[in-house]
Amino acid sequence: MAAYTAAEIRRALKTVPGWRRRGREIRRTFTFAAFGPAFAFVRKVARDAEAHDHHPDIDIRYNEVTLGLCTHAAGGLTEKDFASARRYSALGGGR
């Protein structure tokens, strides 16, 4: 799978509200009421990542979960990243 061009990335970002490009990845921070709901979200993300064999970087800070996506094998962003971002946003719960 080839990495997206800059124009393709701009178009794809419109399909994932709240996600921002940062270098060679896209990132979003989800904020929850407390640690428990944040950790429950991470478990859902982990199950999805295993099912799709595409794993995000995950940073947990009490009630905030930041996800980062990049297709390292392609050297940048691909449809895999944006499809994962849409699924993770749909898992929701956070702000």
Protein backbone atom coordinates (compact mmCIF):
# COMPACT_ATOMS: atom_id res chain seq x y z
CA MET A 1 0.00 0.00 0.00
CA ALA A 2 1.49 3.31 -1.11
CA ALA A 3 1.68 6.32 1.19
CA TYR A 4 -0.76 9.13 0.43
CA THR A 5 0.36 12.30 -1.28
CA ALA A 6 -0.04 15.64 0.51
CA ALA A 7 -3.24 16.32 -1.46
CA GLU A 8 -4.67 12.90 -0.57
CA ILE A 9 -3.87 13.50 3.09
CA ARG A 10 -5.67 16.87 3.04
CA ARG A 11 -8.77 15.21 1.53
CA ALA A 12 -8.67 12.28 3.93
CA LEU A 13 -8.32 14.54 6.98
CA LYS A 14 -11.76 15.94 6.17
CA THR A 15 -13.19 12.46 6.87
CA VAL A 16 -11.77 12.29 10.41
CA PRO A 17 -12.90 15.31 12.46
CA GLY A 18 -10.69 16.02 15.45
CA TRP A 19 -7.66 14.29 13.97
CA ARG A 20 -4.63 16.41 13.06
CA ARG A 21 -1.55 15.70 11.03
CA ARG A 22 1.70 15.80 12.94
CA GLY A 23 4.66 14.99 10.74
CA ARG A 24 4.19 11.53 9.25
CA GLU A 25 1.22 10.60 11.43
CA ILE A 26 -2.28 11.67 12.39
CA ARG A 27 -3.16 12.16 16.06
CA ARG A 28 -6.18 12.77 18.24
CA THR A 29 -6.63 13.13 21.98
CA PHE A 30 -9.82 11.76 23.53
CA THR A 31 -10.78 13.11 26.97
CA PHE A 32 -12.90 11.08 29.39
CA ALA A 33 -14.49 11.73 32.79
CA ALA A 34 -11.92 9.55 34.61
CA PHE A 35 -9.27 6.86 34.19
CA GLY A 36 -11.74 3.93 34.06
CA PRO A 37 -13.61 5.09 30.94
CA ALA A 38 -10.31 6.10 29.30
CA PHE A 39 -8.87 2.64 29.90
CA ALA A 40 -12.07 0.96 28.65
CA PHE A 41 -11.65 2.95 25.42
CA VAL A 42 -8.05 1.75 25.10
CA ARG A 43 -9.22 -1.86 25.44
CA LYS A 44 -11.71 -1.31 22.58
CA VAL A 45 -8.98 0.26 20.45
CA ALA A 46 -6.63 -2.65 21.19
CA ARG A 47 -9.24 -5.24 20.13
CA ASP A 48 -9.91 -3.34 16.91
CA ALA A 49 -6.19 -2.92 16.19
CA GLU A 50 -5.61 -6.66 16.60
CA ALA A 51 -8.59 -7.50 14.40
CA HIS A 52 -7.31 -5.23 11.62
CA ASP A 53 -3.58 -5.88 12.18
CA HIS A 54 -2.91 -2.13 12.28
CA HIS A 55 -1.77 -0.76 15.63
CA PRO A 56 -1.76 2.84 16.84
CA ASP A 57 0.66 4.46 19.22
CA ILE A 58 -1.27 4.95 22.48
CA ASP A 59 -0.50 7.45 25.24
CA ILE A 60 -2.68 7.34 28.38
CA ARG A 61 -2.59 10.28 30.80
CA TYR A 62 -5.22 9.61 33.50
CA ASN A 63 -8.39 10.65 31.63
CA GLU A 64 -6.79 11.49 28.28
CA VAL A 65 -5.92 9.01 25.56
CA THR A 66 -3.88 10.16 22.57
CA LEU A 67 -3.75 7.91 19.53
CA GLY A 68 -1.20 8.23 16.74
CA LEU A 69 -1.47 6.47 13.39
CA CYS A 70 1.07 5.92 10.62
CA THR A 71 1.66 3.03 8.26
CA HIS A 72 5.36 2.55 8.98
CA ALA A 73 5.79 -0.08 6.23
CA ALA A 74 4.61 2.49 3.65
CA GLY A 75 6.66 5.30 5.15
CA GLY A 76 3.68 7.54 5.80
CA LEU A 77 -0.08 7.78 5.93
CA THR A 78 -2.34 5.38 4.03
CA GLU A 79 -6.01 4.48 3.88
CA LYS A 80 -5.34 2.04 6.76
CA ASP A 81 -4.64 4.99 9.04
CA PHE A 82 -7.74 6.95 8.08
CA ALA A 83 -9.97 3.86 8.25
CA SER A 84 -8.63 3.16 11.75
CA ALA A 85 -9.16 6.79 12.77
CA ARG A 86 -12.80 6.61 11.64
CA ARG A 87 -13.33 3.39 13.61
CA TYR A 88 -11.66 4.76 16.76
CA SER A 89 -13.72 7.95 16.56
CA ALA A 90 -16.87 5.82 16.28
CA LEU A 91 -15.85 3.89 19.43
CA GLY A 92 -16.14 7.28 21.00
CA GLY A 93 -17.13 8.37 24.40
CA GLY A 94 -14.43 10.97 24.73
CA ARG A 95 -14.43 14.62 23.86
